[in-house]
């Protein structure tokens, strides 16, 4: 009998199984492929990369570079194999996806403490378990998770708006203000980017003609109620470019309506307004309200930078449309990735709300280590929020639920430095130095 069950043989599940097995735990790793496919995967191999074959920047002054350093420090199997199977890619860690998945499958298949079972796990087991079933969790397991979490705590999200770095917004053009909040009560919680009628018309025209990502069949075959272009979407979260197709004024009477807002600099109400809402406790990230989109990333940069105040904006997270199953982690998880309802249950990977290949891998590291520590009656690790791993886990376990959405590693998650640093390059350098010191000190303790 296994001591630990891991559900899902993707990046998080494969790493979690390895970490626990290396600590002497007998692991049963359940992967439903190839018997039950997702529509996105091509093979039954473990850790198959279904989108890009890049694991992001290797530069230490980038968030993904820092996360790689932390994964390397914690002994990540998947990062080591990625580096062994790398391809030319400049400053990015690009891998041969077939060799990458082959290698991981071989290593885990021959580990004396791991048994790989190619079957669907239809329910949450009653014993020690890590759920790392990803955004394309099978319908049977999703139903079981719903029953465990209560239905309102399992999301089937298909729309994510872009998130931008606050310090890249031009506040000489944008202004603070909230709809229907009187000026004497404060400047308001939103950043507003005002558009004249001419600017608005140009923006709408660009939206309507911009290139979109072609959705895969598995992302478009869900009955979401409104057929639009390549896919079908919820009426309540239509892509902004689809809404623009409904008429020139559709956005002005929708997410860009200027009612209740007044631009003191221009001395009048704007013709239309793009609003940005604070997205993290550190006030370094803002999301574009109502800007769910299926535009390509290049087009998001081009078109959204037409918005006054966002001409040089930097994106922490591009908008995207896809099927994505994830739990309401802030109500369910501790920063250790342990369930706060069942001590022997852990979650890892994209189902927790972390995004990006490296985010999935490091969440698997933590879940695997902590599941092993739980079974060995040891206290569980919760890394400092000054580390990128700790900041990611703190975000998914502490973010206000109304603002919660999947998040990649980015420096906006880290707490402010004790000293004010104007230079972004120097600020990121200090973030990295602090993170590495925090990781070493915590692990040593």
Protein backbone atom coordinates (compact mmCIF):
# COMPACT_ATOMS: atom_id res chain seq x y z
CA UNK A 1 0.00 0.00 0.00
CA UNK A 2 1.33 3.48 -0.87
CA UNK A 3 1.77 6.00 1.88
CA UNK A 4 0.97 8.87 -0.50
CA UNK A 5 -1.23 9.21 -3.59
CA UNK A 6 -0.40 11.89 -6.15
CA UNK A 7 -3.13 12.66 -8.68
CA UNK A 8 -1.83 14.09 -11.94
CA UNK A 9 1.39 13.41 -13.81
CA UNK A 10 1.98 16.92 -15.09
CA UNK A 11 4.77 19.21 -13.96
CA UNK A 12 3.52 19.70 -10.39
CA UNK A 13 2.51 16.08 -9.82
CA UNK A 14 5.73 14.66 -11.25
CA UNK A 15 7.88 16.95 -9.10
CA UNK A 16 5.76 16.29 -6.01
CA UNK A 17 6.01 12.53 -6.44
CA UNK A 18 9.80 12.76 -6.82
CA UNK A 19 10.26 14.99 -3.78
CA UNK A 20 8.21 12.71 -1.54
CA UNK A 21 9.81 9.54 -2.89
CA UNK A 22 13.30 10.94 -2.34
CA UNK A 23 12.33 11.35 1.32
CA UNK A 24 11.50 7.65 1.65
CA UNK A 25 7.74 7.84 1.04
CA UNK A 26 6.04 5.15 -1.06
CA UNK A 27 4.12 7.02 -3.77
CA UNK A 28 1.36 5.96 -6.16
CA UNK A 29 1.30 8.45 -9.03
CA UNK A 30 -2.02 8.41 -10.91
CA UNK A 31 -2.06 9.76 -14.48
CA UNK A 32 -5.22 9.15 -16.51
CA UNK A 33 -3.49 9.56 -19.88
CA UNK A 34 -3.30 7.98 -22.39
CA UNK A 35 -6.48 6.06 -21.58
CA UNK A 36 -8.43 9.25 -20.92
CA UNK A 37 -7.08 12.19 -22.87
CA UNK A 38 -7.57 15.89 -22.21
CA UNK A 39 -7.64 17.12 -25.78
CA UNK A 40 -4.53 19.21 -25.11
CA UNK A 41 -2.05 16.43 -24.53
CA UNK A 42 -0.57 14.31 -27.32
CA UNK A 43 0.98 11.45 -25.35
CA UNK A 44 0.76 9.52 -22.12
CA UNK A 45 4.18 10.76 -20.97
CA UNK A 46 4.63 12.45 -17.63
CA UNK A 47 5.32 16.19 -17.53
CA UNK A 48 4.27 16.73 -21.15
CA UNK A 49 4.51 20.40 -22.14
CA UNK A 50 1.32 21.27 -23.98
CA UNK A 51 1.90 24.93 -24.78
CA UNK A 52 5.30 26.60 -25.11
CA UNK A 53 8.53 24.68 -24.73
CA UNK A 54 10.12 27.58 -22.85
CA UNK A 55 10.45 27.62 -19.09
CA UNK A 56 11.10 31.35 -19.13
CA UNK A 57 14.08 33.58 -18.57
CA UNK A 58 17.25 32.33 -16.97
CA UNK A 59 18.31 35.86 -16.01
CA UNK A 60 18.46 36.23 -12.25
CA UNK A 61 17.00 39.74 -12.42
CA UNK A 62 13.78 38.30 -13.87
CA UNK A 63 11.09 36.74 -11.72
CA UNK A 64 11.29 33.41 -13.55
CA UNK A 65 15.07 33.46 -13.22
CA UNK A 66 14.81 33.94 -9.47
CA UNK A 67 12.25 31.15 -9.24
CA UNK A 68 14.66 28.86 -11.10
CA UNK A 69 17.37 29.64 -8.56
CA UNK A 70 14.98 28.73 -5.75
CA UNK A 71 13.91 25.51 -7.51
CA UNK A 72 17.56 24.60 -8.05
CA UNK A 73 18.34 25.30 -4.38
CA UNK A 74 15.51 22.96 -3.34
CA UNK A 75 16.74 20.16 -5.61
CA UNK A 76 14.14 20.21 -8.38
CA UNK A 77 14.22 17.12 -10.61
CA UNK A 78 12.30 18.77 -13.43
CA UNK A 79 14.54 21.82 -13.60
CA UNK A 80 17.62 19.60 -13.73
CA UNK A 81 16.15 17.54 -16.57
CA UNK A 82 15.06 20.70 -18.40
CA UNK A 83 18.61 22.01 -18.26
CA UNK A 84 19.93 18.66 -19.50
CA UNK A 85 17.60 18.85 -22.51
CA UNK A 86 17.88 22.53 -23.32
CA UNK A 87 17.83 24.03 -26.79
CA UNK A 88 19.27 27.34 -28.05
CA UNK A 89 16.95 30.06 -26.82
CA UNK A 90 18.94 33.10 -25.84
CA UNK A 91 18.24 33.99 -22.22
CA UNK A 92 15.31 31.57 -21.97
CA UNK A 93 15.41 27.96 -20.86
CA UNK A 94 13.99 26.25 -23.94
CA UNK A 95 13.70 22.47 -23.96
CA UNK A 96 13.17 19.62 -26.34
CA UNK A 97 9.71 18.74 -25.09
CA UNK A 98 9.79 15.10 -26.23
CA UNK A 99 13.15 14.37 -24.61
CA UNK A 100 12.12 16.34 -21.52
CA UNK A 101 8.96 14.28 -21.00
CA UNK A 102 10.72 11.04 -21.96
CA UNK A 103 13.48 11.64 -19.42
CA UNK A 104 11.12 12.46 -16.57
CA UNK A 105 8.94 9.45 -17.36
CA UNK A 106 12.01 7.20 -17.34
CA UNK A 107 13.38 8.56 -14.06
CA UNK A 108 10.08 8.27 -12.20
CA UNK A 109 9.29 4.88 -13.72
CA UNK A 110 12.53 3.45 -12.31
CA UNK A 111 12.33 5.07 -8.87
CA UNK A 112 12.00 2.31 -6.25
CA UNK A 113 9.48 4.34 -4.23
CA UNK A 114 7.19 5.35 -7.11
CA UNK A 115 4.46 3.31 -8.79
CA UNK A 116 2.90 4.93 -11.87
CA UNK A 117 -0.74 3.98 -12.46
CA UNK A 118 -2.34 5.04 -15.75
CA UNK A 119 -5.91 5.23 -14.50
CA UNK A 120 -8.37 8.01 -13.78
CA UNK A 121 -8.73 8.83 -10.10
CA UNK A 122 -12.43 9.65 -9.96
CA UNK A 123 -12.67 10.70 -6.32
CA UNK A 124 -10.48 12.25 -3.65
CA UNK A 125 -8.95 9.32 -1.75
CA UNK A 126 -9.48 9.14 2.03
CA UNK A 127 -5.71 8.76 2.65
CA UNK A 128 -2.74 11.13 2.27
CA UNK A 129 -3.04 12.73 -1.15
CA UNK A 130 -1.66 15.50 -3.34
CA UNK A 131 -4.11 16.74 -5.98
CA UNK A 132 -2.17 18.12 -8.94
CA UNK A 133 -4.70 17.40 -11.67
CA UNK A 134 -4.27 20.71 -13.46
CA UNK A 135 -6.67 23.00 -15.33
CA UNK A 136 -8.13 20.12 -17.34
CA UNK A 137 -9.15 18.01 -14.36
CA UNK A 138 -11.48 15.17 -15.38
CA UNK A 139 -15.18 15.77 -14.84
CA UNK A 140 -15.47 12.96 -12.28
CA UNK A 141 -12.61 14.23 -10.13
CA UNK A 142 -13.83 17.81 -10.53
CA UNK A 143 -17.20 16.73 -9.18
CA UNK A 144 -15.51 15.10 -6.19
CA UNK A 145 -13.50 18.27 -5.56
CA UNK A 146 -16.70 20.29 -5.82
CA UNK A 147 -18.32 18.12 -3.17
CA UNK A 148 -15.30 18.55 -0.92
CA UNK A 149 -14.89 22.29 -1.45
CA UNK A 150 -18.58 23.19 -1.80
CA UNK A 151 -19.61 24.20 -5.30
CA UNK A 152 -18.95 27.88 -4.85
CA UNK A 153 -15.30 27.14 -4.15
CA UNK A 154 -14.45 25.52 -7.48
CA UNK A 155 -14.15 27.81 -10.49
CA UNK A 156 -14.37 27.06 -14.18
CA UNK A 157 -12.74 30.25 -15.39
CA UNK A 158 -12.43 31.08 -19.05
CA UNK A 159 -11.44 34.73 -18.90
CA UNK A 160 -8.47 36.57 -17.45
CA UNK A 161 -7.80 40.28 -17.90
CA UNK A 162 -4.27 41.67 -18.31
CA UNK A 163 -2.33 42.77 -15.25
CA UNK A 164 0.17 45.62 -15.51
CA UNK A 165 2.92 47.05 -13.35
CA UNK A 166 1.72 50.15 -11.53
CA UNK A 167 4.98 52.07 -11.98
CA UNK A 168 4.66 51.82 -15.77
CA UNK A 169 1.33 53.70 -15.85
CA UNK A 170 1.71 57.34 -16.88
CA UNK A 171 0.01 59.25 -14.06
CA UNK A 172 0.51 62.50 -15.93
CA UNK A 173 -2.33 61.26 -18.13
CA UNK A 174 -4.21 58.77 -15.96
CA UNK A 175 -6.03 59.92 -12.84
CA UNK A 176 -7.38 58.34 -9.69
CA UNK A 177 -11.09 58.18 -9.08
CA UNK A 178 -14.02 55.89 -8.38
CA UNK A 179 -17.50 56.04 -9.85
CA UNK A 180 -19.95 58.04 -7.73
CA UNK A 181 -17.40 58.70 -4.95
CA UNK A 182 -17.32 62.37 -4.01
CA UNK A 183 -13.89 64.02 -4.24
CA UNK A 184 -13.89 65.05 -0.59
CA UNK A 185 -13.94 61.37 0.39
CA UNK A 186 -10.57 60.77 -1.27
CA UNK A 187 -9.05 60.30 -4.69
CA UNK A 188 -10.70 56.89 -5.23
CA UNK A 189 -9.41 53.35 -5.59
CA UNK A 190 -9.20 53.11 -9.38
CA UNK A 191 -6.70 54.42 -11.88
CA UNK A 192 -8.55 55.83 -14.88
CA UNK A 193 -7.22 56.26 -18.40
CA UNK A 194 -9.39 58.83 -20.23
CA UNK A 195 -10.11 58.61 -23.97
CA UNK A 196 -11.43 61.33 -26.26
CA UNK A 197 -13.99 60.35 -28.90
CA UNK A 198 -11.27 60.21 -31.57
CA UNK A 199 -8.98 58.09 -29.36
CA UNK A 200 -11.90 55.80 -28.50
CA UNK A 201 -12.87 55.24 -32.12
CA UNK A 202 -9.28 54.46 -33.09
CA UNK A 203 -8.98 52.02 -30.20
CA UNK A 204 -12.21 50.20 -31.10
CA UNK A 205 -11.13 49.92 -34.74
CA UNK A 206 -7.79 48.42 -33.67
CA UNK A 207 -9.53 45.94 -31.35
CA UNK A 208 -11.86 44.73 -34.09
CA UNK A 209 -9.04 44.07 -36.56
CA UNK A 210 -6.45 42.66 -34.13
CA UNK A 211 -5.21 39.07 -34.39
CA UNK A 212 -6.65 36.56 -31.96
CA UNK A 213 -5.38 33.30 -30.55
CA UNK A 214 -7.09 30.36 -32.20
CA UNK A 215 -8.69 28.34 -29.43
CA UNK A 216 -8.13 24.61 -29.40
CA UNK A 217 -11.16 22.38 -29.69
CA UNK A 218 -10.98 21.35 -26.05
CA UNK A 219 -11.16 25.02 -25.05
CA UNK A 220 -14.00 25.88 -27.38
CA UNK A 221 -16.29 22.89 -26.96
CA UNK A 222 -17.78 23.87 -23.60
CA UNK A 223 -21.35 25.15 -23.77
CA UNK A 224 -20.70 28.62 -22.41
CA UNK A 225 -23.66 30.27 -23.99
CA UNK A 226 -22.40 32.75 -26.58
CA UNK A 227 -20.77 31.76 -29.86
CA UNK A 228 -18.12 34.23 -30.95
CA UNK A 229 -15.44 33.66 -33.55
CA UNK A 230 -13.38 30.58 -32.75
CA UNK A 231 -15.04 29.76 -29.47
CA UNK A 232 -17.93 30.16 -27.07
CA UNK A 233 -17.82 32.33 -23.95
CA UNK A 234 -19.89 33.33 -20.97
CA UNK A 235 -22.04 36.35 -21.67
CA UNK A 236 -20.75 37.90 -18.45
CA UNK A 237 -17.11 37.72 -19.49
CA UNK A 238 -17.01 38.27 -23.22
CA UNK A 239 -13.62 39.10 -24.68
CA UNK A 240 -13.33 42.86 -25.08
CA UNK A 241 -12.64 42.44 -28.82
CA UNK A 242 -15.86 40.42 -29.22
CA UNK A 243 -17.85 43.08 -27.37
CA UNK A 244 -16.40 45.69 -29.74
CA UNK A 245 -17.95 43.80 -32.66
CA UNK A 246 -21.43 44.53 -31.31
CA UNK A 247 -21.24 48.17 -32.31
CA UNK A 248 -19.06 51.24 -32.04
CA UNK A 249 -20.66 52.30 -28.73
CA UNK A 250 -20.77 48.87 -27.10
CA UNK A 251 -17.60 49.44 -25.05
CA UNK A 252 -18.50 53.03 -24.17
CA UNK A 253 -21.72 51.73 -22.62
CA UNK A 254 -19.97 48.70 -21.16
CA UNK A 255 -16.60 48.40 -19.38
CA UNK A 256 -15.39 51.79 -20.72
CA UNK A 257 -18.43 53.81 -19.63
CA UNK A 258 -17.32 57.15 -18.17
CA UNK A 259 -20.42 57.78 -16.04
CA UNK A 260 -19.55 58.95 -12.53
CA UNK A 261 -15.98 59.94 -13.41
CA UNK A 262 -14.58 63.43 -13.93
CA UNK A 263 -11.10 64.30 -15.20
CA UNK A 264 -10.03 67.39 -13.26
CA UNK A 265 -7.07 67.95 -15.57
CA UNK A 266 -9.27 68.26 -18.64
CA UNK A 267 -12.10 69.83 -16.71
CA UNK A 268 -14.71 67.51 -18.15
CA UNK A 269 -16.02 63.97 -18.22
CA UNK A 270 -14.04 61.80 -20.66
CA UNK A 271 -15.76 60.26 -23.65
CA UNK A 272 -14.68 56.82 -22.38
CA UNK A 273 -12.48 55.50 -19.58
CA UNK A 274 -10.38 52.38 -19.13
CA UNK A 275 -10.21 51.55 -15.43
CA UNK A 276 -7.44 49.71 -13.61
CA UNK A 277 -7.94 48.14 -10.21
CA UNK A 278 -5.30 47.33 -7.59
CA UNK A 279 -4.40 43.66 -7.82
CA UNK A 280 -2.02 42.98 -4.94
CA UNK A 281 -1.44 44.07 -1.37
CA UNK A 282 1.86 45.72 -2.26
CA UNK A 283 0.00 48.05 -4.68
CA UNK A 284 2.47 47.29 -7.44
CA UNK A 285 0.10 45.51 -9.83
CA UNK A 286 -3.16 46.66 -11.44
CA UNK A 287 -5.62 44.71 -13.57
CA UNK A 288 -7.49 46.15 -16.53
CA UNK A 289 -11.12 46.00 -15.46
CA UNK A 290 -13.40 44.20 -17.91
CA UNK A 291 -10.58 43.48 -20.35
CA UNK A 292 -10.90 39.74 -20.77
CA UNK A 293 -9.31 39.06 -24.12
CA UNK A 294 -8.28 36.45 -26.64
CA UNK A 295 -5.88 38.69 -28.56
CA UNK A 296 -2.37 37.40 -29.17
CA UNK A 297 0.19 38.70 -26.70
CA UNK A 298 1.84 40.83 -29.39
CA UNK A 299 -1.50 42.41 -30.25
CA UNK A 300 -2.30 43.04 -26.58
CA UNK A 301 0.94 45.03 -26.35
CA UNK A 302 0.19 46.97 -29.53
CA UNK A 303 -3.51 47.67 -29.04
CA UNK A 304 -3.66 48.22 -25.28
CA UNK A 305 -0.71 50.61 -25.43
CA UNK A 306 -2.95 52.84 -27.59
CA UNK A 307 -4.87 53.64 -24.40
CA UNK A 308 -3.82 57.06 -23.02
CA UNK A 309 -1.65 56.53 -19.93
CA UNK A 310 -0.65 53.03 -21.00
CA UNK A 311 1.67 53.99 -23.84
CA UNK A 312 4.70 52.39 -22.14
CA UNK A 313 2.89 49.99 -19.85
CA UNK A 314 4.61 46.75 -18.84
CA UNK A 315 2.53 43.60 -18.52
CA UNK A 316 2.93 41.29 -15.53
CA UNK A 317 0.29 38.95 -16.94
CA UNK A 318 -1.35 38.99 -20.36
CA UNK A 319 -5.06 38.43 -20.73
CA UNK A 320 -6.14 35.03 -21.97
CA UNK A 321 -9.18 32.90 -22.65
CA UNK A 322 -9.18 29.20 -21.80
CA UNK A 323 -10.83 26.54 -19.75
CA UNK A 324 -9.22 26.56 -16.34
CA UNK A 325 -10.34 24.60 -13.31
CA UNK A 326 -9.00 25.97 -10.05
CA UNK A 327 -10.03 26.01 -6.43
CA UNK A 328 -10.72 29.03 -4.27
CA UNK A 329 -7.32 28.56 -2.69
CA UNK A 330 -7.54 31.53 -0.24
CA UNK A 331 -10.44 29.80 1.51
CA UNK A 332 -8.97 26.32 1.35
CA UNK A 333 -5.18 26.26 1.58
CA UNK A 334 -2.45 27.20 3.99
CA UNK A 335 0.78 28.65 2.61
CA UNK A 336 2.23 25.15 3.04
CA UNK A 337 -0.25 23.98 0.33
CA UNK A 338 -1.95 21.81 2.93
CA UNK A 339 -5.75 21.81 2.97
CA UNK A 340 -7.14 23.68 5.95
CA UNK A 341 -10.03 21.17 6.06
CA UNK A 342 -8.09 17.88 5.85
CA UNK A 343 -4.58 17.70 7.23
CA UNK A 344 -3.53 14.78 4.99
CA UNK A 345 -4.66 16.53 1.77
CA UNK A 346 -2.41 18.83 -0.27
CA UNK A 347 -2.85 20.64 -3.58
CA UNK A 348 -0.22 21.63 -6.15
CA UNK A 349 0.05 23.12 -9.59
CA UNK A 350 -2.35 25.13 -11.68
CA UNK A 351 -5.43 23.92 -9.81
CA UNK A 352 -4.21 26.03 -6.85
CA UNK A 353 -4.04 29.24 -8.89
CA UNK A 354 -0.32 29.32 -9.68
CA UNK A 355 0.55 29.78 -13.35
CA UNK A 356 3.58 29.21 -15.52
CA UNK A 357 5.72 26.10 -15.88
CA UNK A 358 8.08 27.09 -13.09
CA UNK A 359 5.22 28.04 -10.79
CA UNK A 360 3.77 24.58 -11.23
CA UNK A 361 7.13 22.94 -10.61
CA UNK A 362 7.92 24.83 -7.41
CA UNK A 363 4.42 24.23 -6.03
CA UNK A 364 5.06 20.53 -6.64
CA UNK A 365 8.35 20.79 -4.77
CA UNK A 366 6.64 22.32 -1.73
CA UNK A 367 3.65 19.96 -1.76
CA UNK A 368 5.90 16.91 -2.11
CA UNK A 369 8.23 18.00 0.68
CA UNK A 370 5.37 18.91 3.01
CA UNK A 371 3.36 15.75 2.34
CA UNK A 372 6.47 13.74 3.27
CA UNK A 373 7.04 15.86 6.35
CA UNK A 374 3.41 15.41 7.39
CA UNK A 375 3.71 11.63 7.07
CA UNK A 376 6.93 11.77 9.10
CA UNK A 377 5.25 13.87 11.82
CA UNK A 378 7.39 16.94 11.09
CA UNK A 379 6.29 20.56 10.98
CA UNK A 380 5.45 21.89 7.53
CA UNK A 381 7.45 24.44 5.56
CA UNK A 382 6.02 27.88 4.76
CA UNK A 383 8.69 29.91 3.00
CA UNK A 384 9.11 33.63 3.73
CA UNK A 385 7.17 36.01 1.49
CA UNK A 386 10.49 37.63 0.59
CA UNK A 387 11.23 34.52 -1.51
CA UNK A 388 9.42 34.10 -4.83
CA UNK A 389 8.11 30.67 -3.81
CA UNK A 390 6.89 32.04 -0.50
CA UNK A 391 5.28 35.05 -2.19
CA UNK A 392 3.41 32.85 -4.67
CA UNK A 393 2.11 30.55 -1.93
CA UNK A 394 1.18 33.53 0.23
CA UNK A 395 -0.75 35.04 -2.69
CA UNK A 396 -2.85 31.94 -3.36
CA UNK A 397 -3.56 31.38 0.34
CA UNK A 398 -4.16 34.99 1.44
CA UNK A 399 -5.45 36.97 -1.55
CA UNK A 400 -8.95 38.46 -1.05
CA UNK A 401 -11.28 36.01 -2.79
CA UNK A 402 -13.01 38.72 -4.86
CA UNK A 403 -9.65 39.60 -6.45
CA UNK A 404 -8.28 36.07 -6.72
CA UNK A 405 -7.21 34.83 -10.13
CA UNK A 406 -4.36 32.62 -11.39
CA UNK A 407 -0.96 34.29 -11.03
CA UNK A 408 2.54 33.82 -12.40
CA UNK A 409 5.74 34.66 -10.56
CA UNK A 410 6.48 38.38 -10.73
CA UNK A 411 8.29 40.90 -8.60
CA UNK A 412 5.02 42.66 -7.83
CA UNK A 413 4.20 39.79 -5.42
CA UNK A 414 7.19 40.56 -3.21
CA UNK A 415 6.91 42.93 -0.24
CA UNK A 416 8.48 46.36 -0.58
CA UNK A 417 12.13 46.88 0.20
CA UNK A 418 12.95 48.67 3.42
CA UNK A 419 14.58 51.46 1.41
CA UNK A 420 13.13 53.37 -1.54
CA UNK A 421 14.92 52.44 -4.77
CA UNK A 422 13.98 54.40 -7.88
CA UNK A 423 16.01 52.39 -10.37
CA UNK A 424 14.02 49.31 -11.43
CA UNK A 425 17.22 47.42 -12.24
CA UNK A 426 18.66 48.09 -8.79
CA UNK A 427 15.30 47.37 -7.13
CA UNK A 428 15.07 43.97 -8.78
CA UNK A 429 18.69 43.28 -7.87
CA UNK A 430 17.89 43.95 -4.22
CA UNK A 431 14.75 41.79 -4.41
CA UNK A 432 16.89 38.91 -5.67
CA UNK A 433 19.60 39.32 -3.03
CA UNK A 434 16.99 39.47 -0.27
CA UNK A 435 15.14 36.43 -1.65
CA UNK A 436 18.28 34.31 -1.85
CA UNK A 437 19.35 35.26 1.66
CA UNK A 438 15.84 34.53 2.99
CA UNK A 439 15.77 31.13 1.31
CA UNK A 440 19.17 30.14 2.70
CA UNK A 441 18.40 31.38 6.21
CA UNK A 442 14.99 29.72 6.35
CA UNK A 443 16.21 26.37 5.07
CA UNK A 444 19.18 26.47 7.44
CA UNK A 445 16.84 27.07 10.39
